Amino acid sequence: MDTFKRVLTGTHFMLGNYAVVEGALAAGCNFFAGYPITPANEISERMAARMPQVGGRFLQAEDELCAIFAVTGAALAGAKAMTATASA
């Protein structure tokens, strides 16, 4: 994968949730499954936009449980996968 597409270079001012996404992509995350719920909405939205740019896959799940099952399956299949959800 082209490093330019994967990692933002230089200095950037961004929201903390966007920084989470960019850090995950820089670490090689190539699968994200999530359910849009506050406070994780921005992470899901940014991942939806960025995953196609880096050749990854994005899944908007129907609930949080489905998201974690999808991430578990992707990780077991060898993907670097993540999810984001509300804090308990």
PDB file of N, CA and C in Angstrom:
ATOM      1  N   MET A   1       0.848  -1.181   0.000  1.00  0.00           N
ATOM      2  CA  MET A   1       0.000   0.000   0.000  1.00  0.00           C
ATOM      3  C   MET A   1       0.884   1.232   0.000  1.00  0.00           C
ATOM      4  N   ASP A   2       0.509   2.189  -0.775  1.00  0.00           N
ATOM      5  CA  ASP A   2       1.231   3.451  -0.859  1.00  0.00           C
ATOM      6  C   ASP A   2       1.194   4.163   0.496  1.00  0.00           C
ATOM      7  N   THR A   3       2.364   4.476   1.016  1.00  0.00           N
ATOM      8  CA  THR A   3       2.457   5.109   2.330  1.00  0.00           C
ATOM      9  C   THR A   3       1.779   6.470   2.342  1.00  0.00           C
ATOM     10  N   PHE A   4       1.811   7.183   1.240  1.00  0.00           N
ATOM     11  CA  PHE A   4       1.178   8.505   1.176  1.00  0.00           C
ATOM     12  C   PHE A   4      -0.314   8.418   1.485  1.00  0.00           C
ATOM     13  N   LYS A   5      -0.967   7.401   0.971  1.00  0.00           N
ATOM     14  CA  LYS A   5      -2.397   7.241   1.210  1.00  0.00           C
ATOM     15  C   LYS A   5      -2.681   6.772   2.634  1.00  0.00           C
ATOM     16  N   ARG A   6      -1.796   5.996   3.192  1.00  0.00           N
ATOM     17  CA  ARG A   6      -2.025   5.411   4.507  1.00  0.00           C
ATOM     18  C   ARG A   6      -1.772   6.411   5.628  1.00  0.00           C
ATOM     19  N   VAL A   7      -0.682   7.162   5.553  1.00  0.00           N
ATOM     20  CA  VAL A   7      -0.259   7.999   6.672  1.00  0.00           C
ATOM     21  C   VAL A   7      -0.261   9.467   6.263  1.00  0.00           C
ATOM     22  N   LEU A   8      -0.895  10.297   7.078  1.00  0.00           N
ATOM     23  CA  LEU A   8      -0.801  11.738   6.881  1.00  0.00           C
ATOM     24  C   LEU A   8       0.564  12.193   7.376  1.00  0.00           C
ATOM     25  N   THR A   9       1.250  12.969   6.582  1.00  0.00           N
ATOM     26  CA  THR A   9       2.563  13.456   6.990  1.00  0.00           C
ATOM     27  C   THR A   9       2.469  14.920   7.378  1.00  0.00           C
ATOM     28  N   GLY A  10       3.472  15.397   8.075  1.00  0.00           N
ATOM     29  CA  GLY A  10       3.490  16.795   8.474  1.00  0.00           C
ATOM     30  C   GLY A  10       2.751  17.019   9.780  1.00  0.00           C
ATOM     31  N   THR A  11       2.467  18.269  10.053  1.00  0.00           N
ATOM     32  CA  THR A  11       1.773  18.660  11.271  1.00  0.00           C
ATOM     33  C   THR A  11       0.309  18.925  10.951  1.00  0.00           C
ATOM     34  N   HIS A  12      -0.566  18.396  11.771  1.00  0.00           N
ATOM     35  CA  HIS A  12      -2.003  18.549  11.540  1.00  0.00           C
ATOM     36  C   HIS A  12      -2.698  18.944  12.832  1.00  0.00           C
ATOM     37  N   PHE A  13      -3.682  19.811  12.720  1.00  0.00           N
ATOM     38  CA  PHE A  13      -4.557  20.169  13.826  1.00  0.00           C
ATOM     39  C   PHE A  13      -5.890  19.509  13.528  1.00  0.00           C
ATOM     40  N   MET A  14      -6.337  18.588  14.406  1.00  0.00           N
ATOM     41  CA  MET A  14      -7.572  17.857  14.145  1.00  0.00           C
ATOM     42  C   MET A  14      -8.251  17.474  15.448  1.00  0.00           C
ATOM     43  N   LEU A  15      -9.488  17.068  15.332  1.00  0.00           N
ATOM     44  CA  LEU A  15     -10.232  16.574  16.480  1.00  0.00           C
ATOM     45  C   LEU A  15      -9.575  15.308  17.020  1.00  0.00           C
ATOM     46  N   GLY A  16      -9.746  15.053  18.296  1.00  0.00           N
ATOM     47  CA  GLY A  16      -9.175  13.858  18.911  1.00  0.00           C
ATOM     48  C   GLY A  16      -9.670  12.574  18.270  1.00  0.00           C
ATOM     49  N   ASN A  17     -10.965  12.517  17.919  1.00  0.00           N
ATOM     50  CA  ASN A  17     -11.500  11.316  17.278  1.00  0.00           C
ATOM     51  C   ASN A  17     -10.886  11.098  15.898  1.00  0.00           C
ATOM     52  N   TYR A  18     -10.604  12.172  15.178  1.00  0.00           N
ATOM     53  CA  TYR A  18      -9.928  12.034  13.889  1.00  0.00           C
ATOM     54  C   TYR A  18      -8.500  11.535  14.088  1.00  0.00           C
ATOM     55  N   ALA A  19      -7.858  11.988  15.143  1.00  0.00           N
ATOM     56  CA  ALA A  19      -6.502  11.527  15.438  1.00  0.00           C
ATOM     57  C   ALA A  19      -6.491  10.033  15.745  1.00  0.00           C
ATOM     58  N   VAL A  20      -7.532   9.537  16.403  1.00  0.00           N
ATOM     59  CA  VAL A  20      -7.656   8.098  16.658  1.00  0.00           C
ATOM     60  C   VAL A  20      -7.672   7.343  15.337  1.00  0.00           C
ATOM     61  N   VAL A  21      -8.463   7.830  14.391  1.00  0.00           N
ATOM     62  CA  VAL A  21      -8.565   7.185  13.075  1.00  0.00           C
ATOM     63  C   VAL A  21      -7.224   7.200  12.353  1.00  0.00           C
ATOM     64  N   GLU A  22      -6.596   8.354  12.301  1.00  0.00           N
ATOM     65  CA  GLU A  22      -5.326   8.457  11.579  1.00  0.00           C
ATOM     66  C   GLU A  22      -4.243   7.603  12.236  1.00  0.00           C
ATOM     67  N   GLY A  23      -4.247   7.523  13.555  1.00  0.00           N
ATOM     68  CA  GLY A  23      -3.297   6.656  14.254  1.00  0.00           C
ATOM     69  C   GLY A  23      -3.535   5.190  13.949  1.00  0.00           C
ATOM     70  N   ALA A  24      -4.802   4.785  13.906  1.00  0.00           N
ATOM     71  CA  ALA A  24      -5.129   3.395  13.581  1.00  0.00           C
ATOM     72  C   ALA A  24      -4.702   3.056  12.154  1.00  0.00           C
ATOM     73  N   LEU A  25      -4.952   3.965  11.220  1.00  0.00           N
ATOM     74  CA  LEU A  25      -4.546   3.723   9.833  1.00  0.00           C
ATOM     75  C   LEU A  25      -3.031   3.661   9.704  1.00  0.00           C
ATOM     76  N   ALA A  26      -2.331   4.527  10.415  1.00  0.00           N
ATOM     77  CA  ALA A  26      -0.867   4.512  10.385  1.00  0.00           C
ATOM     78  C   ALA A  26      -0.325   3.203  10.944  1.00  0.00           C
ATOM     79  N   ALA A  27      -1.059   2.602  11.878  1.00  0.00           N
ATOM     80  CA  ALA A  27      -0.649   1.327  12.471  1.00  0.00           C
ATOM     81  C   ALA A  27      -1.029   0.137  11.601  1.00  0.00           C
ATOM     82  N   GLY A  28      -1.761   0.383  10.505  1.00  0.00           N
ATOM     83  CA  GLY A  28      -2.086  -0.692   9.578  1.00  0.00           C
ATOM     84  C   GLY A  28      -3.499  -1.230   9.668  1.00  0.00           C
ATOM     85  N   CYS A  29      -4.384  -0.550  10.381  1.00  0.00           N
ATOM     86  CA  CYS A  29      -5.771  -1.003  10.470  1.00  0.00           C
ATOM     87  C   CYS A  29      -6.375  -1.053   9.064  1.00  0.00           C
ATOM     88  N   ASN A  30      -6.982  -2.195   8.725  1.00  0.00           N
ATOM     89  CA  ASN A  30      -7.583  -2.320   7.399  1.00  0.00           C
ATOM     90  C   ASN A  30      -9.030  -2.815   7.445  1.00  0.00           C
ATOM     91  N   PHE A  31      -9.613  -2.877   8.644  1.00  0.00           N
ATOM     92  CA  PHE A  31     -11.026  -3.243   8.788  1.00  0.00           C
ATOM     93  C   PHE A  31     -11.602  -2.495   9.983  1.00  0.00           C
ATOM     94  N   PHE A  32     -12.750  -1.874   9.775  1.00  0.00           N
ATOM     95  CA  PHE A  32     -13.450  -1.185  10.855  1.00  0.00           C
ATOM     96  C   PHE A  32     -14.918  -1.550  10.789  1.00  0.00           C
ATOM     97  N   ALA A  33     -15.472  -1.930  11.916  1.00  0.00           N
ATOM     98  CA  ALA A  33     -16.911  -2.151  12.034  1.00  0.00           C
ATOM     99  C   ALA A  33     -17.387  -1.342  13.222  1.00  0.00           C
ATOM    100  N   GLY A  34     -18.458  -0.609  13.039  1.00  0.00           N
ATOM    101  CA  GLY A  34     -18.958   0.208  14.130  1.00  0.00           C
ATOM    102  C   GLY A  34     -20.425   0.528  13.982  1.00  0.00           C
ATOM    103  N   TYR A  35     -21.012   0.879  15.111  1.00  0.00           N
ATOM    104  CA  TYR A  35     -22.390   1.336  15.159  1.00  0.00           C
ATOM    105  C   TYR A  35     -22.350   2.809  15.543  1.00  0.00           C
ATOM    106  N   PRO A  36     -22.930   3.680  14.745  1.00  0.00           N
ATOM    107  CA  PRO A  36     -22.828   5.114  15.036  1.00  0.00           C
ATOM    108  C   PRO A  36     -23.591   5.491  16.303  1.00  0.00           C
ATOM    109  N   ILE A  37     -22.841   5.784  17.341  1.00  0.00           N
ATOM    110  CA  ILE A  37     -23.412   6.161  18.628  1.00  0.00           C
ATOM    111  C   ILE A  37     -22.485   7.184  19.277  1.00  0.00           C
ATOM    112  N   THR A  38     -23.057   8.163  19.921  1.00  0.00           N
ATOM    113  CA  THR A  38     -22.255   9.180  20.592  1.00  0.00           C
ATOM    114  C   THR A  38     -21.492   8.527  21.738  1.00  0.00           C
ATOM    115  N   PRO A  39     -20.227   8.763  21.927  1.00  0.00           N
ATOM    116  CA  PRO A  39     -19.367   9.776  21.336  1.00  0.00           C
ATOM    117  C   PRO A  39     -18.503   9.262  20.188  1.00  0.00           C
ATOM    118  N   ALA A  40     -18.821   8.103  19.637  1.00  0.00           N
ATOM    119  CA  ALA A  40     -17.970   7.502  18.612  1.00  0.00           C
ATOM    120  C   ALA A  40     -18.408   7.824  17.187  1.00  0.00           C
ATOM    121  N   ASN A  41     -19.408   8.678  17.004  1.00  0.00           N
ATOM    122  CA  ASN A  41     -19.890   9.013  15.657  1.00  0.00           C
ATOM    123  C   ASN A  41     -18.780   9.511  14.744  1.00  0.00           C
ATOM    124  N   GLU A  42     -17.955  10.414  15.254  1.00  0.00           N
ATOM    125  CA  GLU A  42     -16.909  11.011  14.419  1.00  0.00           C
ATOM    126  C   GLU A  42     -15.901   9.967  13.961  1.00  0.00           C
ATOM    127  N   ILE A  43     -15.622   8.986  14.794  1.00  0.00           N
ATOM    128  CA  ILE A  43     -14.685   7.925  14.411  1.00  0.00           C
ATOM    129  C   ILE A  43     -15.273   7.118  13.267  1.00  0.00           C
ATOM    130  N   SER A  44     -16.540   6.715  13.393  1.00  0.00           N
ATOM    131  CA  SER A  44     -17.183   5.943  12.325  1.00  0.00           C
ATOM    132  C   SER A  44     -17.252   6.728  11.020  1.00  0.00           C
ATOM    133  N   GLU A  45     -17.620   7.999  11.108  1.00  0.00           N
ATOM    134  CA  GLU A  45     -17.721   8.829   9.906  1.00  0.00           C
ATOM    135  C   GLU A  45     -16.368   8.986   9.221  1.00  0.00           C
ATOM    136  N   ARG A  46     -15.330   9.218   9.994  1.00  0.00           N
ATOM    137  CA  ARG A  46     -13.988   9.391   9.420  1.00  0.00           C
ATOM    138  C   ARG A  46     -13.486   8.075   8.834  1.00  0.00           C
ATOM    139  N   MET A  47     -13.737   6.970   9.529  1.00  0.00           N
ATOM    140  CA  MET A  47     -13.323   5.664   9.000  1.00  0.00           C
ATOM    141  C   MET A  47     -14.050   5.353   7.693  1.00  0.00           C
ATOM    142  N   ALA A  48     -15.328   5.701   7.617  1.00  0.00           N
ATOM    143  CA  ALA A  48     -16.092   5.468   6.389  1.00  0.00           C
ATOM    144  C   ALA A  48     -15.475   6.218   5.215  1.00  0.00           C
ATOM    145  N   ALA A  49     -14.958   7.406   5.479  1.00  0.00           N
ATOM    146  CA  ALA A  49     -14.331   8.204   4.422  1.00  0.00           C
ATOM    147  C   ALA A  49     -12.921   7.722   4.098  1.00  0.00           C
ATOM    148  N   ARG A  50     -12.158   7.321   5.098  1.00  0.00           N
ATOM    149  CA  ARG A  50     -10.740   7.008   4.904  1.00  0.00           C
ATOM    150  C   ARG A  50     -10.473   5.566   4.477  1.00  0.00           C
ATOM    151  N   MET A  51     -11.292   4.617   4.902  1.00  0.00           N
ATOM    152  CA  MET A  51     -11.012   3.215   4.574  1.00  0.00           C
ATOM    153  C   MET A  51     -10.897   2.958   3.066  1.00  0.00           C
ATOM    154  N   PRO A  52     -11.793   3.477   2.233  1.00  0.00           N
ATOM    155  CA  PRO A  52     -11.629   3.250   0.793  1.00  0.00           C
ATOM    156  C   PRO A  52     -10.334   3.844   0.237  1.00  0.00           C
ATOM    157  N   GLN A  53      -9.861   4.927   0.831  1.00  0.00           N
ATOM    158  CA  GLN A  53      -8.634   5.571   0.362  1.00  0.00           C
ATOM    159  C   GLN A  53      -7.399   4.721   0.620  1.00  0.00           C
ATOM    160  N   VAL A  54      -7.460   3.853   1.619  1.00  0.00           N
ATOM    161  CA  VAL A  54      -6.297   3.038   1.974  1.00  0.00           C
ATOM    162  C   VAL A  54      -6.498   1.564   1.630  1.00  0.00           C
ATOM    163  N   GLY A  55      -7.578   1.252   0.915  1.00  0.00           N
ATOM    164  CA  GLY A  55      -7.819  -0.128   0.506  1.00  0.00           C
ATOM    165  C   GLY A  55      -8.392  -1.004   1.601  1.00  0.00           C
ATOM    166  N   GLY A  56      -8.986  -0.390   2.614  1.00  0.00           N
ATOM    167  CA  GLY A  56      -9.566  -1.147   3.719  1.00  0.00           C
ATOM    168  C   GLY A  56     -11.063  -1.334   3.551  1.00  0.00           C
ATOM    169  N   ARG A  57     -11.664  -1.969   4.535  1.00  0.00           N
ATOM    170  CA  ARG A  57     -13.100  -2.247   4.518  1.00  0.00           C
ATOM    171  C   ARG A  57     -13.776  -1.587   5.715  1.00  0.00           C
ATOM    172  N   PHE A  58     -14.970  -1.052   5.473  1.00  0.00           N
ATOM    173  CA  PHE A  58     -15.776  -0.408   6.509  1.00  0.00           C
ATOM    174  C   PHE A  58     -17.131  -1.088   6.558  1.00  0.00           C
ATOM    175  N   LEU A  59     -17.590  -1.402   7.765  1.00  0.00           N
ATOM    176  CA  LEU A  59     -18.912  -2.000   7.950  1.00  0.00           C
ATOM    177  C   LEU A  59     -19.674  -1.187   8.983  1.00  0.00           C
ATOM    178  N   GLN A  60     -20.844  -0.664   8.594  1.00  0.00           N
ATOM    179  CA  GLN A  60     -21.723  -0.030   9.572  1.00  0.00           C
ATOM    180  C   GLN A  60     -22.665  -1.108  10.073  1.00  0.00           C
ATOM    181  N   ALA A  61     -22.483  -1.493  11.314  1.00  0.00           N
ATOM    182  CA  ALA A  61     -23.243  -2.592  11.901  1.00  0.00           C
ATOM    183  C   ALA A  61     -24.611  -2.121  12.390  1.00  0.00           C
ATOM    184  N   GLU A  62     -25.512  -3.081  12.576  1.00  0.00           N
ATOM    185  CA  GLU A  62     -26.851  -2.746  13.058  1.00  0.00           C
ATOM    186  C   GLU A  62     -26.914  -2.536  14.571  1.00  0.00           C
ATOM    187  N   ASP A  63     -25.894  -2.986  15.279  1.00  0.00           N
ATOM    188  CA  ASP A  63     -25.787  -2.703  16.711  1.00  0.00           C
ATOM    189  C   ASP A  63     -24.345  -2.940  17.149  1.00  0.00           C
ATOM    190  N   GLU A  64     -24.054  -2.601  18.399  1.00  0.00           N
ATOM    191  CA  GLU A  64     -22.680  -2.707  18.894  1.00  0.00           C
ATOM    192  C   GLU A  64     -22.202  -4.150  18.976  1.00  0.00           C
ATOM    193  N   LEU A  65     -23.101  -5.070  19.307  1.00  0.00           N
ATOM    194  CA  LEU A  65     -22.727  -6.477  19.401  1.00  0.00           C
ATOM    195  C   LEU A  65     -22.302  -7.023  18.040  1.00  0.00           C
ATOM    196  N   CYS A  66     -23.040  -6.680  17.002  1.00  0.00           N
ATOM    197  CA  CYS A  66     -22.679  -7.096  15.644  1.00  0.00           C
ATOM    198  C   CYS A  66     -21.313  -6.535  15.257  1.00  0.00           C
ATOM    199  N   ALA A  67     -21.041  -5.303  15.646  1.00  0.00           N
ATOM    200  CA  ALA A  67     -19.754  -4.682  15.320  1.00  0.00           C
ATOM    201  C   ALA A  67     -18.600  -5.452  15.942  1.00  0.00           C
ATOM    202  N   ILE A  68     -18.718  -5.828  17.209  1.00  0.00           N
ATOM    203  CA  ILE A  68     -17.619  -6.543  17.851  1.00  0.00           C
ATOM    204  C   ILE A  68     -17.470  -7.946  17.284  1.00  0.00           C
ATOM    205  N   PHE A  69     -18.569  -8.588  16.909  1.00  0.00           N
ATOM    206  CA  PHE A  69     -18.461  -9.900  16.271  1.00  0.00           C
ATOM    207  C   PHE A  69     -17.764  -9.790  14.913  1.00  0.00           C
ATOM    208  N   ALA A  70     -18.082  -8.756  14.148  1.00  0.00           N
ATOM    209  CA  ALA A  70     -17.435  -8.558  12.848  1.00  0.00           C
ATOM    210  C   ALA A  70     -15.945  -8.295  13.012  1.00  0.00           C
ATOM    211  N   VAL A  71     -15.582  -7.478  13.991  1.00  0.00           N
ATOM    212  CA  VAL A  71     -14.171  -7.177  14.247  1.00  0.00           C
ATOM    213  C   VAL A  71     -13.435  -8.432  14.705  1.00  0.00           C
ATOM    214  N   THR A  72     -14.076  -9.232  15.550  1.00  0.00           N
ATOM    215  CA  THR A  72     -13.462 -10.484  16.005  1.00  0.00           C
ATOM    216  C   THR A  72     -13.214 -11.415  14.823  1.00  0.00           C
ATOM    217  N   GLY A  73     -14.199 -11.559  13.963  1.00  0.00           N
ATOM    218  CA  GLY A  73     -14.035 -12.408  12.785  1.00  0.00           C
ATOM    219  C   GLY A  73     -12.941 -11.913  11.862  1.00  0.00           C
ATOM    220  N   ALA A  74     -12.891 -10.613  11.646  1.00  0.00           N
ATOM    221  CA  ALA A  74     -11.853 -10.042  10.783  1.00  0.00           C
ATOM    222  C   ALA A  74     -10.469 -10.265  11.378  1.00  0.00           C
ATOM    223  N   ALA A  75     -10.343 -10.080  12.686  1.00  0.00           N
ATOM    224  CA  ALA A  75      -9.051 -10.285  13.344  1.00  0.00           C
ATOM    225  C   ALA A  75      -8.624 -11.747  13.274  1.00  0.00           C
ATOM    226  N   LEU A  76      -9.566 -12.655  13.464  1.00  0.00           N
ATOM    227  CA  LEU A  76      -9.243 -14.083  13.369  1.00  0.00           C
ATOM    228  C   LEU A  76      -8.832 -14.474  11.951  1.00  0.00           C
ATOM    229  N   ALA A  77      -9.327 -13.729  10.968  1.00  0.00           N
ATOM    230  CA  ALA A  77      -8.962 -13.979   9.573  1.00  0.00           C
ATOM    231  C   ALA A  77      -7.661 -13.285   9.182  1.00  0.00           C
ATOM    232  N   GLY A  78      -7.059 -12.537  10.112  1.00  0.00           N
ATOM    233  CA  GLY A  78      -5.762 -11.926   9.851  1.00  0.00           C
ATOM    234  C   GLY A  78      -5.763 -10.431   9.613  1.00  0.00           C
ATOM    235  N   ALA A  79      -6.924  -9.800   9.656  1.00  0.00           N
ATOM    236  CA  ALA A  79      -6.982  -8.349   9.444  1.00  0.00           C
ATOM    237  C   ALA A  79      -6.586  -7.608  10.718  1.00  0.00           C
ATOM    238  N   LYS A  80      -6.080  -6.394  10.535  1.00  0.00           N
ATOM    239  CA  LYS A  80      -5.910  -5.483  11.674  1.00  0.00           C
ATOM    240  C   LYS A  80      -7.223  -4.726  11.776  1.00  0.00           C
ATOM    241  N   ALA A  81      -8.006  -5.057  12.786  1.00  0.00           N
ATOM    242  CA  ALA A  81      -9.374  -4.567  12.868  1.00  0.00           C
ATOM    243  C   ALA A  81      -9.619  -3.788  14.146  1.00  0.00           C
ATOM    244  N   MET A  82     -10.590  -2.866  14.066  1.00  0.00           N
ATOM    245  CA  MET A  82     -10.968  -2.106  15.260  1.00  0.00           C
ATOM    246  C   MET A  82     -12.427  -1.710  15.199  1.00  0.00           C
ATOM    247  N   THR A  83     -12.946  -1.351  16.358  1.00  0.00           N
ATOM    248  CA  THR A  83     -14.273  -0.779  16.480  1.00  0.00           C
ATOM    249  C   THR A  83     -14.195   0.387  17.451  1.00  0.00           C
ATOM    250  N   ALA A  84     -15.238   1.169  17.498  1.00  0.00           N
ATOM    251  CA  ALA A  84     -15.343   2.268  18.457  1.00  0.00           C
ATOM    252  C   ALA A  84     -16.782   2.310  18.939  1.00  0.00           C
ATOM    253  N   THR A  85     -16.958   2.565  20.218  1.00  0.00           N
ATOM    254  CA  THR A  85     -18.298   2.571  20.783  1.00  0.00           C
ATOM    255  C   THR A  85     -18.381   3.580  21.918  1.00  0.00           C
ATOM    256  N   ALA A  86     -19.534   3.666  22.528  1.00  0.00           N
ATOM    257  CA  ALA A  86     -19.729   4.560  23.665  1.00  0.00           C
ATOM    258  C   ALA A  86     -19.048   3.970  24.892  1.00  0.00           C
ATOM    259  N   SER A  87     -18.639   4.826  25.790  1.00  0.00           N
ATOM    260  CA  SER A  87     -18.046   4.331  27.032  1.00  0.00           C
ATOM    261  C   SER A  87     -19.146   3.924  27.998  1.00  0.00           C
ATOM    262  N   ALA A  88     -18.821   2.975  28.848  1.00  0.00           N
ATOM    263  CA  ALA A  88     -19.820   2.479  29.808  1.00  0.00           C
ATOM    264  C   ALA A  88     -19.654   3.156  31.145  1.00  0.00           C
TER     265      ALA A  88
END
